[in-house]
Each structure stands twice: as C-alpha cells, then as structure tokens.
Amino acid sequence: MATKNTSKPSNHKPAASKPAQKKPVQDSADEDLDGPISREVFDRLPPAKRVMVRVRNTVERFEKRLGQIKNWPGAEAAAARDNLAAGLAAFKTAMDALASLPDDYRPSLRGSAKVEIEAGTLVRLTDARKAEYDGVVEPDCMSGIKVLEVRGNKVVTIMRDGTKAMFPRGHVTVDTSTPPTAAQA
C-alpha cells in the first residue's frame, strides 16, 4: 500500500545569509574602559590596561559582596566586612596606580628586574642557591667571584682561589662588599 504525500510544496526559499560585518578597529587609547568590553578589545589593550580592567572587575565584585553582608549581625560578620573593606581600599589604590601608567608602558617580559652582569663584575652566589653548592664550592669562595665572560644565561667565573667555574645567571648576583683577590687579577 502506497502512502500519499499530503503536504503542500513550499515556495519558501531560505534567506541568503549576510556576512557578519566587523567593527572598525580602534586604538586602545580611544576605548572606553568604564563599561564592559569585548574580548577582542581587551586583547588589544596594553598589559597595564588589561590588569586595570581585571582589577576594576574585582573591585565591582568586592563592592557587591560588601553590600550583601553589610547588615549581617555578629562579630565574625563584622570582621569579614572590615577585611573586605580593607581589601577594597587596597584594590582601589592599585587601580589608581595602574590608571596613572602611560598607554605605551610595557613591563619587562624577562621576569624580575636584574642588574646587568658584564665581564669583570664581582658577583656572589645568591642566598637561595648557596645550599646547592655546599661541598662543591668552599664557603669563603661563595662571594667575591669575578665574571670572565657572559654566555647567554650562564656566566664563566674565576673564584677567589683561582678556580674557574660556570654558573647559571640566576644563581649569582652583583657583590659590592668583597674586593678581588690576586688570583682573580
């Protein structure tokens, strides 16, 4: 038994989809950072402004939470309110400091700020790394080390007793307290 198709043919044609229009790209300095911003705009912001936006969002969340607990009774709630208010004040201070940075400010991407070490500089093992060199380097040779050469992130040195050694750049720091010995000259 054959079944009959009783549905009427449709004359409806699907509408042609229009290509999505992109907004013109603006400078990050022209962006209004007071309201919500898109991910595209956020990614184009300088690093300091990105942090400022995140801190601003945190401040807004802190203010909301502080409003939620402002009428809670009890000493524990009062301590929580005080701590939240102190944190809110610290974040607002940080936000003001970030807002004062210039738009072209870019932090160093190399990590912590380091003093440049060149050949001839006197260095010492950092306090955090001295324990790693116990038994390998004599205790009196852990400071007053003269740099002979810098090779990338390593330094070639001559110790106080005349021994040459190579250390990672992060294991040494500039030493201003120890004069060089005759063996290092």
N, C-alpha and C. Protein backbone atom coordinates (compact mmCIF):
# COMPACT_ATOMS: atom_id res chain seq x y z
N MET A 1 0.82 -1.15 0.00
CA MET A 1 0.00 0.00 0.00
C MET A 1 0.89 1.25 0.00
N ALA A 2 0.62 2.12 -0.95
CA ALA A 2 1.41 3.33 -1.11
C ALA A 2 0.81 4.45 -0.29
N THR A 3 1.64 5.21 0.31
CA THR A 3 1.14 6.35 1.09
C THR A 3 1.24 7.60 0.24
N LYS A 4 0.28 8.46 0.42
CA LYS A 4 0.23 9.69 -0.34
C LYS A 4 0.84 10.82 0.47
N ASN A 5 1.60 11.64 -0.19
CA ASN A 5 2.17 12.81 0.45
C ASN A 5 1.14 13.92 0.38
N THR A 6 0.59 14.29 1.52
CA THR A 6 -0.46 15.30 1.53
C THR A 6 0.07 16.69 1.82
N SER A 7 1.36 16.82 2.09
CA SER A 7 1.89 18.15 2.38
C SER A 7 2.06 18.92 1.09
N LYS A 8 1.80 20.20 1.17
CA LYS A 8 1.92 21.05 0.00
C LYS A 8 3.38 21.46 -0.18
N PRO A 9 3.82 21.55 -1.40
CA PRO A 9 5.19 22.01 -1.62
C PRO A 9 5.33 23.46 -1.18
N SER A 10 6.46 23.76 -0.58
CA SER A 10 6.69 25.10 -0.06
C SER A 10 7.38 25.95 -1.12
N ASN A 11 6.94 27.16 -1.24
CA ASN A 11 7.58 28.12 -2.14
C ASN A 11 8.57 28.99 -1.38
N HIS A 12 8.76 28.67 -0.14
CA HIS A 12 9.63 29.47 0.72
C HIS A 12 11.09 29.13 0.43
N LYS A 13 11.87 30.17 0.11
CA LYS A 13 13.30 29.98 -0.10
C LYS A 13 14.02 30.56 1.12
N PRO A 14 15.04 29.84 1.59
CA PRO A 14 15.77 30.39 2.75
C PRO A 14 16.45 31.70 2.36
N ALA A 15 16.42 32.65 3.29
CA ALA A 15 17.04 33.95 3.04
C ALA A 15 18.55 33.78 2.96
N ALA A 16 19.16 34.51 2.07
CA ALA A 16 20.61 34.45 1.94
C ALA A 16 21.23 35.07 3.19
N SER A 17 22.18 34.39 3.76
CA SER A 17 22.79 34.91 4.98
C SER A 17 23.75 36.04 4.61
N LYS A 18 23.68 37.08 5.41
CA LYS A 18 24.55 38.23 5.18
C LYS A 18 25.87 37.99 5.91
N PRO A 19 26.98 38.33 5.31
CA PRO A 19 28.25 38.17 6.02
C PRO A 19 28.30 39.11 7.22
N ALA A 20 28.89 38.61 8.30
CA ALA A 20 29.00 39.42 9.51
C ALA A 20 29.91 40.60 9.25
N GLN A 21 29.45 41.76 9.65
CA GLN A 21 30.26 42.95 9.45
C GLN A 21 31.10 43.18 10.69
N LYS A 22 32.39 43.39 10.47
CA LYS A 22 33.28 43.65 11.60
C LYS A 22 33.29 45.14 11.89
N LYS A 23 33.42 45.42 13.18
CA LYS A 23 33.53 46.81 13.58
C LYS A 23 34.93 47.29 13.24
N PRO A 24 35.06 48.55 12.90
CA PRO A 24 36.40 49.06 12.62
C PRO A 24 37.27 48.99 13.87
N VAL A 25 38.53 48.67 13.69
CA VAL A 25 39.46 48.55 14.81
C VAL A 25 39.85 49.94 15.26
N GLN A 26 39.74 50.18 16.57
CA GLN A 26 40.10 51.47 17.13
C GLN A 26 41.35 51.31 17.97
N ASP A 27 42.01 52.43 18.22
CA ASP A 27 43.16 52.40 19.12
C ASP A 27 42.68 52.09 20.52
N SER A 28 43.54 51.43 21.30
CA SER A 28 43.16 51.11 22.67
C SER A 28 43.01 52.37 23.50
N ALA A 29 43.70 53.45 23.12
CA ALA A 29 43.59 54.69 23.87
C ALA A 29 42.20 55.30 23.70
N ASP A 30 41.54 54.99 22.57
CA ASP A 30 40.21 55.54 22.31
C ASP A 30 39.11 54.74 22.99
N GLU A 31 39.42 53.57 23.50
CA GLU A 31 38.40 52.70 24.09
C GLU A 31 37.90 53.27 25.40
N ASP A 32 36.63 53.08 25.65
CA ASP A 32 36.04 53.45 26.93
C ASP A 32 36.18 52.25 27.85
N LEU A 33 36.99 52.38 28.86
CA LEU A 33 37.26 51.26 29.77
C LEU A 33 36.33 51.24 30.97
N ASP A 34 35.32 52.12 30.99
CA ASP A 34 34.44 52.19 32.15
C ASP A 34 33.38 51.10 32.16
N GLY A 35 32.95 50.65 31.01
CA GLY A 35 31.91 49.63 30.95
C GLY A 35 32.47 48.30 30.52
N PRO A 36 31.60 47.34 30.27
CA PRO A 36 32.06 46.04 29.79
C PRO A 36 32.70 46.20 28.41
N ILE A 37 33.75 45.42 28.16
CA ILE A 37 34.42 45.49 26.86
C ILE A 37 34.50 44.08 26.28
N SER A 38 34.60 44.03 24.97
CA SER A 38 34.65 42.73 24.30
C SER A 38 36.03 42.10 24.46
N ARG A 39 36.09 40.82 24.24
CA ARG A 39 37.35 40.10 24.34
C ARG A 39 38.35 40.61 23.29
N GLU A 40 37.84 40.94 22.11
CA GLU A 40 38.70 41.45 21.04
C GLU A 40 39.36 42.76 21.46
N VAL A 41 38.59 43.64 22.06
CA VAL A 41 39.12 44.92 22.53
C VAL A 41 40.09 44.68 23.69
N PHE A 42 39.71 43.80 24.60
CA PHE A 42 40.56 43.50 25.76
C PHE A 42 41.93 42.98 25.32
N ASP A 43 41.96 42.10 24.33
CA ASP A 43 43.23 41.52 23.87
C ASP A 43 44.14 42.55 23.22
N ARG A 44 43.59 43.64 22.72
CA ARG A 44 44.40 44.68 22.08
C ARG A 44 44.90 45.72 23.08
N LEU A 45 44.44 45.67 24.31
CA LEU A 45 44.87 46.66 25.30
C LEU A 45 46.32 46.42 25.71
N PRO A 46 47.03 47.50 26.08
CA PRO A 46 48.37 47.31 26.64
C PRO A 46 48.28 46.52 27.94
N PRO A 47 49.36 45.85 28.34
CA PRO A 47 49.32 45.00 29.54
C PRO A 47 48.82 45.71 30.80
N ALA A 48 49.26 46.93 31.03
CA ALA A 48 48.84 47.64 32.25
C ALA A 48 47.34 47.92 32.23
N LYS A 49 46.79 48.22 31.07
CA LYS A 49 45.35 48.49 30.98
C LYS A 49 44.55 47.20 31.15
N ARG A 50 45.09 46.07 30.67
CA ARG A 50 44.40 44.79 30.87
C ARG A 50 44.31 44.48 32.35
N VAL A 51 45.41 44.70 33.08
CA VAL A 51 45.39 44.45 34.52
C VAL A 51 44.42 45.41 35.19
N MET A 52 44.40 46.65 34.73
CA MET A 52 43.48 47.62 35.32
C MET A 52 42.03 47.19 35.13
N VAL A 53 41.69 46.67 33.97
CA VAL A 53 40.32 46.19 33.73
C VAL A 53 39.99 45.04 34.67
N ARG A 54 40.93 44.12 34.84
CA ARG A 54 40.68 42.99 35.74
C ARG A 54 40.54 43.46 37.19
N VAL A 55 41.36 44.41 37.61
CA VAL A 55 41.25 44.94 38.97
C VAL A 55 39.92 45.66 39.13
N ARG A 56 39.50 46.42 38.11
CA ARG A 56 38.21 47.11 38.17
C ARG A 56 37.07 46.11 38.35
N ASN A 57 37.14 44.99 37.61
CA ASN A 57 36.10 43.97 37.74
C ASN A 57 36.10 43.37 39.15
N THR A 58 37.29 43.19 39.71
CA THR A 58 37.40 42.67 41.08
C THR A 58 36.81 43.66 42.07
N VAL A 59 37.07 44.95 41.88
CA VAL A 59 36.51 45.98 42.76
C VAL A 59 34.99 45.94 42.71
N GLU A 60 34.44 45.79 41.51
CA GLU A 60 32.98 45.72 41.39
C GLU A 60 32.42 44.50 42.13
N ARG A 61 33.12 43.37 42.04
CA ARG A 61 32.67 42.17 42.77
C ARG A 61 32.78 42.37 44.27
N PHE A 62 33.89 42.99 44.74
CA PHE A 62 34.05 43.26 46.17
C PHE A 62 32.93 44.16 46.67
N GLU A 63 32.61 45.21 45.92
CA GLU A 63 31.56 46.13 46.33
C GLU A 63 30.21 45.42 46.43
N LYS A 64 29.96 44.51 45.49
CA LYS A 64 28.72 43.75 45.51
C LYS A 64 28.66 42.85 46.75
N ARG A 65 29.75 42.15 47.04
CA ARG A 65 29.78 41.26 48.20
C ARG A 65 29.69 42.05 49.50
N LEU A 66 30.34 43.19 49.55
CA LEU A 66 30.27 44.03 50.74
C LEU A 66 28.84 44.50 50.97
N GLY A 67 28.14 44.83 49.90
CA GLY A 67 26.73 45.21 50.03
C GLY A 67 25.86 44.08 50.52
N GLN A 68 26.22 42.84 50.16
CA GLN A 68 25.43 41.68 50.59
C GLN A 68 25.58 41.40 52.07
N ILE A 69 26.75 41.68 52.63
CA ILE A 69 26.96 41.31 54.04
C ILE A 69 26.96 42.51 54.98
N LYS A 70 26.60 43.70 54.49
CA LYS A 70 26.71 44.89 55.34
C LYS A 70 25.79 44.84 56.56
N ASN A 71 24.68 44.13 56.51
CA ASN A 71 23.74 44.09 57.64
C ASN A 71 23.79 42.78 58.41
N TRP A 72 24.75 41.93 58.14
CA TRP A 72 24.84 40.67 58.88
C TRP A 72 25.26 40.94 60.32
N PRO A 73 24.58 40.32 61.29
CA PRO A 73 24.94 40.52 62.70
C PRO A 73 26.11 39.63 63.11
N GLY A 74 26.76 39.99 64.19
CA GLY A 74 27.80 39.14 64.76
C GLY A 74 29.20 39.67 64.52
N ALA A 75 30.09 39.24 65.42
CA ALA A 75 31.48 39.69 65.37
C ALA A 75 32.20 39.13 64.15
N GLU A 76 31.90 37.88 63.79
CA GLU A 76 32.56 37.27 62.64
C GLU A 76 32.19 38.01 61.36
N ALA A 77 30.93 38.38 61.23
CA ALA A 77 30.48 39.12 60.05
C ALA A 77 31.11 40.51 60.02
N ALA A 78 31.25 41.12 61.20
CA ALA A 78 31.88 42.44 61.26
C ALA A 78 33.35 42.34 60.83
N ALA A 79 34.04 41.28 61.25
CA ALA A 79 35.43 41.08 60.85
C ALA A 79 35.52 40.86 59.33
N ALA A 80 34.58 40.11 58.80
CA ALA A 80 34.56 39.87 57.35
C ALA A 80 34.32 41.18 56.60
N ARG A 81 33.39 42.00 57.11
CA ARG A 81 33.13 43.31 56.48
C ARG A 81 34.36 44.19 56.50
N ASP A 82 35.04 44.22 57.66
CA ASP A 82 36.24 45.06 57.79
C ASP A 82 37.34 44.60 56.85
N ASN A 83 37.54 43.28 56.76
CA ASN A 83 38.57 42.76 55.87
C ASN A 83 38.23 43.02 54.40
N LEU A 84 36.96 42.87 54.05
CA LEU A 84 36.55 43.14 52.67
C LEU A 84 36.71 44.63 52.35
N ALA A 85 36.38 45.49 53.29
CA ALA A 85 36.53 46.93 53.08
C ALA A 85 38.00 47.30 52.92
N ALA A 86 38.88 46.68 53.72
CA ALA A 86 40.32 46.95 53.60
C ALA A 86 40.85 46.46 52.25
N GLY A 87 40.40 45.28 51.84
CA GLY A 87 40.81 44.76 50.54
C GLY A 87 40.31 45.64 49.40
N LEU A 88 39.09 46.13 49.54
CA LEU A 88 38.51 47.01 48.53
C LEU A 88 39.32 48.30 48.42
N ALA A 89 39.72 48.85 49.56
CA ALA A 89 40.53 50.07 49.54
C ALA A 89 41.88 49.82 48.87
N ALA A 90 42.49 48.66 49.14
CA ALA A 90 43.78 48.33 48.52
C ALA A 90 43.64 48.17 47.01
N PHE A 91 42.58 47.52 46.56
CA PHE A 91 42.35 47.35 45.13
C PHE A 91 42.10 48.69 44.45
N LYS A 92 41.38 49.59 45.12
CA LYS A 92 41.13 50.91 44.53
C LYS A 92 42.43 51.70 44.41
N THR A 93 43.31 51.57 45.40
CA THR A 93 44.61 52.23 45.33
C THR A 93 45.44 51.67 44.18
N ALA A 94 45.42 50.36 44.02
CA ALA A 94 46.15 49.73 42.92
C ALA A 94 45.57 50.16 41.57
N MET A 95 44.25 50.28 41.49
CA MET A 95 43.61 50.69 40.25
C MET A 95 44.02 52.11 39.88
N ASP A 96 44.11 53.00 40.88
CA ASP A 96 44.55 54.37 40.62
C ASP A 96 45.99 54.39 40.11
N ALA A 97 46.85 53.56 40.72
CA ALA A 97 48.25 53.50 40.29
C ALA A 97 48.35 52.96 38.87
N LEU A 98 47.56 51.96 38.53
CA LEU A 98 47.58 51.42 37.17
C LEU A 98 47.05 52.43 36.16
N ALA A 99 46.07 53.21 36.55
CA ALA A 99 45.50 54.21 35.64
C ALA A 99 46.52 55.31 35.34
N SER A 100 47.47 55.53 36.23
CA SER A 100 48.46 56.58 36.00
C SER A 100 49.60 56.15 35.08
N LEU A 101 49.69 54.85 34.78
CA LEU A 101 50.74 54.38 33.87
C LEU A 101 50.43 54.84 32.45
N PRO A 102 51.47 55.15 31.68
CA PRO A 102 51.23 55.57 30.29
C PRO A 102 50.72 54.40 29.45
N ASP A 103 50.02 54.73 28.35
CA ASP A 103 49.46 53.70 27.48
C ASP A 103 50.52 52.82 26.85
N ASP A 104 51.71 53.36 26.63
CA ASP A 104 52.75 52.58 25.98
C ASP A 104 53.64 51.82 26.97
N TYR A 105 53.25 51.79 28.25
CA TYR A 105 54.04 51.06 29.25
C TYR A 105 53.98 49.57 28.97
N ARG A 106 55.14 48.95 28.89
CA ARG A 106 55.25 47.51 28.68
C ARG A 106 56.23 46.97 29.71
N PRO A 107 55.79 46.09 30.59
CA PRO A 107 56.72 45.53 31.57
C PRO A 107 57.73 44.61 30.90
N SER A 108 58.85 44.42 31.57
CA SER A 108 59.86 43.51 31.05
C SER A 108 59.30 42.10 31.04
N LEU A 109 59.48 41.39 29.93
CA LEU A 109 58.96 40.03 29.82
C LEU A 109 60.00 39.01 30.25
N ARG A 110 61.15 39.47 30.73
CA ARG A 110 62.21 38.57 31.13
C ARG A 110 62.07 38.12 32.59
N GLY A 111 61.05 38.50 33.26
CA GLY A 111 60.90 38.11 34.66
C GLY A 111 61.26 39.27 35.55
N SER A 112 61.87 38.97 36.68
CA SER A 112 62.20 40.01 37.63
C SER A 112 63.32 40.90 37.09
N ALA A 113 63.33 42.13 37.56
CA ALA A 113 64.36 43.07 37.11
C ALA A 113 65.71 42.61 37.63
N LYS A 114 66.70 42.57 36.76
CA LYS A 114 68.02 42.10 37.13
C LYS A 114 69.05 43.14 36.74
N VAL A 115 70.11 43.21 37.53
CA VAL A 115 71.22 44.08 37.20
C VAL A 115 72.03 43.37 36.13
N GLU A 116 72.43 44.11 35.12
CA GLU A 116 73.23 43.52 34.06
C GLU A 116 74.59 43.11 34.60
N ILE A 117 75.00 41.92 34.25
CA ILE A 117 76.31 41.42 34.66
C ILE A 117 77.19 41.37 33.41
N GLU A 118 78.36 41.99 33.50
CA GLU A 118 79.30 42.03 32.40
C GLU A 118 80.61 41.41 32.85
N ALA A 119 81.50 41.15 31.90
CA ALA A 119 82.83 40.64 32.23
C ALA A 119 83.53 41.64 33.15
N GLY A 120 84.16 41.13 34.18
CA GLY A 120 84.86 41.99 35.14
C GLY A 120 84.05 42.31 36.39
N THR A 121 82.77 42.04 36.37
CA THR A 121 81.89 42.31 37.51
C THR A 121 82.15 41.29 38.62
N LEU A 122 82.15 41.74 39.87
CA LEU A 122 82.25 40.83 41.00
C LEU A 122 80.85 40.39 41.39
N VAL A 123 80.66 39.08 41.53
CA VAL A 123 79.36 38.52 41.90
C VAL A 123 79.52 37.60 43.09
N ARG A 124 78.40 37.19 43.64
CA ARG A 124 78.36 36.20 44.71
C ARG A 124 77.20 35.27 44.45
N LEU A 125 77.23 34.10 45.04
CA LEU A 125 76.10 33.18 44.94
C LEU A 125 74.93 33.77 45.72
N THR A 126 73.73 33.64 45.19
CA THR A 126 72.57 34.17 45.90
C THR A 126 72.33 33.33 47.15
N ASP A 127 71.73 33.94 48.15
CA ASP A 127 71.45 33.24 49.40
C ASP A 127 70.58 32.01 49.17
N ALA A 128 69.65 32.10 48.24
CA ALA A 128 68.75 30.99 47.97
C ALA A 128 69.48 29.80 47.34
N ARG A 129 70.62 30.04 46.68
CA ARG A 129 71.33 28.98 45.97
C ARG A 129 72.57 28.46 46.70
N LYS A 130 72.98 29.12 47.78
CA LYS A 130 74.20 28.70 48.48
C LYS A 130 74.15 27.26 48.95
N ALA A 131 73.00 26.80 49.41
CA ALA A 131 72.87 25.44 49.92
C ALA A 131 73.14 24.41 48.82
N GLU A 132 72.81 24.74 47.58
CA GLU A 132 73.05 23.81 46.46
C GLU A 132 74.53 23.60 46.19
N TYR A 133 75.35 24.55 46.59
CA TYR A 133 76.78 24.49 46.29
C TYR A 133 77.62 24.10 47.51
N ASP A 134 76.97 23.77 48.64
CA ASP A 134 77.71 23.29 49.82
C ASP A 134 78.47 22.03 49.45
N GLY A 135 79.75 21.96 49.79
CA GLY A 135 80.57 20.80 49.48
C GLY A 135 81.19 20.86 48.10
N VAL A 136 80.68 21.71 47.23
CA VAL A 136 81.24 21.87 45.89
C VAL A 136 82.09 23.13 45.84
N VAL A 137 81.58 24.19 46.42
CA VAL A 137 82.28 25.48 46.48
C VAL A 137 82.60 25.75 47.94
N GLU A 138 83.85 26.11 48.19
CA GLU A 138 84.27 26.45 49.55
C GLU A 138 83.47 27.66 50.04
N PRO A 139 83.11 27.68 51.33
CA PRO A 139 82.29 28.79 51.85
C PRO A 139 82.93 30.17 51.64
N ASP A 140 84.26 30.26 51.73
CA ASP A 140 84.90 31.56 51.54
C ASP A 140 84.97 31.97 50.06
N CYS A 141 84.63 31.06 49.15
CA CYS A 141 84.65 31.35 47.72
C CYS A 141 83.25 31.64 47.16
N MET A 142 82.23 31.69 48.03
CA MET A 142 80.86 31.91 47.55
C MET A 142 80.58 33.38 47.28
N SER A 143 81.52 34.25 47.63
CA SER A 143 81.37 35.67 47.32
C SER A 143 82.68 36.16 46.71
N GLY A 144 82.66 37.34 46.13
CA GLY A 144 83.86 37.88 45.51
C GLY A 144 84.28 37.09 44.27
N ILE A 145 83.32 36.59 43.50
CA ILE A 145 83.59 35.80 42.31
C ILE A 145 83.65 36.77 41.12
N LYS A 146 84.72 36.70 40.33
CA LYS A 146 84.88 37.61 39.19
C LYS A 146 84.34 36.96 37.92
N VAL A 147 83.51 37.70 37.18
CA VAL A 147 82.94 37.21 35.93
C VAL A 147 83.97 37.42 34.82
N LEU A 148 84.32 36.33 34.12
CA LEU A 148 85.23 36.41 32.99
C LEU A 148 84.47 36.63 31.68
N GLU A 149 83.30 35.98 31.58
CA GLU A 149 82.55 36.01 30.32
C GLU A 149 81.08 35.71 30.61
N VAL A 150 80.20 36.30 29.83
CA VAL A 150 78.78 36.00 29.91
C VAL A 150 78.39 35.27 28.63
N ARG A 151 77.83 34.07 28.77
CA ARG A 151 77.41 33.25 27.62
C ARG A 151 75.91 32.97 27.75
N GLY A 152 75.11 33.81 27.17
CA GLY A 152 73.66 33.63 27.25
C GLY A 152 73.18 33.77 28.68
N ASN A 153 72.61 32.70 29.23
CA ASN A 153 72.13 32.78 30.62
C ASN A 153 73.13 32.14 31.59
N LYS A 154 74.36 31.97 31.16
CA LYS A 154 75.43 31.42 32.02
C LYS A 154 76.54 32.45 32.16
N VAL A 155 77.27 32.38 33.27
CA VAL A 155 78.43 33.23 33.46
C VAL A 155 79.65 32.35 33.75
N VAL A 156 80.76 32.64 33.07
CA VAL A 156 82.03 31.96 33.32
C VAL A 156 82.76 32.83 34.32
N THR A 157 83.18 32.21 35.43
CA THR A 157 83.76 32.98 36.53
C THR A 157 85.10 32.41 36.94
N ILE A 158 85.82 33.22 37.74
CA ILE A 158 87.02 32.74 38.42
C ILE A 158 86.80 33.01 39.89
N MET A 159 86.98 31.96 40.68
CA MET A 159 86.70 32.04 42.12
C MET A 159 87.87 32.72 42.84
N ARG A 160 87.72 32.99 44.11
CA ARG A 160 88.75 33.65 44.90
C ARG A 160 90.03 32.82 44.98
N ASP A 161 89.91 31.49 44.88
CA ASP A 161 91.10 30.64 44.96
C ASP A 161 91.71 30.37 43.57
N GLY A 162 91.17 31.00 42.51
CA GLY A 162 91.71 30.84 41.17
C GLY A 162 91.00 29.78 40.33
N THR A 163 90.05 29.07 40.88
CA THR A 163 89.32 28.04 40.16
C THR A 163 88.29 28.68 39.22
N LYS A 164 88.22 28.17 37.99
CA LYS A 164 87.21 28.65 37.05
C LYS A 164 85.95 27.81 37.20
N ALA A 165 84.79 28.46 37.08
CA ALA A 165 83.51 27.75 37.19
C ALA A 165 82.47 28.48 36.35
N MET A 166 81.45 27.72 35.95
CA MET A 166 80.34 28.30 35.19
C MET A 166 79.08 28.14 36.03
N PHE A 167 78.33 29.24 36.15
CA PHE A 167 77.09 29.25 36.93
C PHE A 167 75.94 29.75 36.06
N PRO A 168 74.72 29.28 36.33
CA PRO A 168 73.56 29.90 35.69
C PRO A 168 73.46 31.36 36.15
N ARG A 169 73.04 32.22 35.28
CA ARG A 169 72.94 33.66 35.57
C ARG A 169 72.05 33.93 36.79
N GLY A 170 71.02 33.14 36.98
CA GLY A 170 70.11 33.34 38.10
C GLY A 170 70.66 32.90 39.44
N HIS A 171 71.80 32.23 39.45
CA HIS A 171 72.39 31.76 40.72
C HIS A 171 73.35 32.78 41.32
N VAL A 172 73.67 33.85 40.58
CA VAL A 172 74.62 34.84 41.08
C VAL A 172 73.98 36.22 41.07
N THR A 173 74.51 37.09 41.91
CA THR A 173 74.08 38.48 41.96
C THR A 173 75.30 39.35 42.18
N VAL A 174 75.21 40.63 41.86
CA VAL A 174 76.36 41.53 41.99
C VAL A 174 76.78 41.62 43.45
N ASP A 175 78.11 41.55 43.67
CA ASP A 175 78.69 41.61 45.02
C ASP A 175 79.49 42.90 45.13
N THR A 176 79.07 43.78 46.02
CA THR A 176 79.78 45.05 46.19
C THR A 176 80.61 45.07 47.46
N SER A 177 80.55 44.00 48.26
CA SER A 177 81.21 44.01 49.57
C SER A 177 82.59 43.36 49.59
N THR A 178 82.95 42.60 48.56
CA THR A 178 84.20 41.84 48.59
C THR A 178 85.14 42.30 47.49
N PRO A 179 86.38 42.73 47.86
CA PRO A 179 87.34 43.12 46.81
C PRO A 179 87.93 41.87 46.14
N PRO A 180 88.41 41.99 44.87
CA PRO A 180 89.02 40.85 44.20
C PRO A 180 90.34 40.45 44.82
N THR A 181 90.72 39.19 44.66
CA THR A 181 91.99 38.69 45.18
C THR A 181 93.04 38.72 44.07
N ALA A 182 94.30 38.43 44.42
CA ALA A 182 95.40 38.41 43.45
C ALA A 182 95.19 37.30 42.43
N ALA A 183 94.56 36.18 42.84
CA ALA A 183 94.35 35.06 41.93
C ALA A 183 93.33 35.40 40.86
N GLN A 184 92.48 36.39 41.10
CA GLN A 184 91.45 36.76 40.14
C GLN A 184 91.92 37.83 39.17
N ALA A 185 93.04 38.45 39.44
CA ALA A 185 93.51 39.55 38.60
C ALA A 185 94.02 39.11 37.26
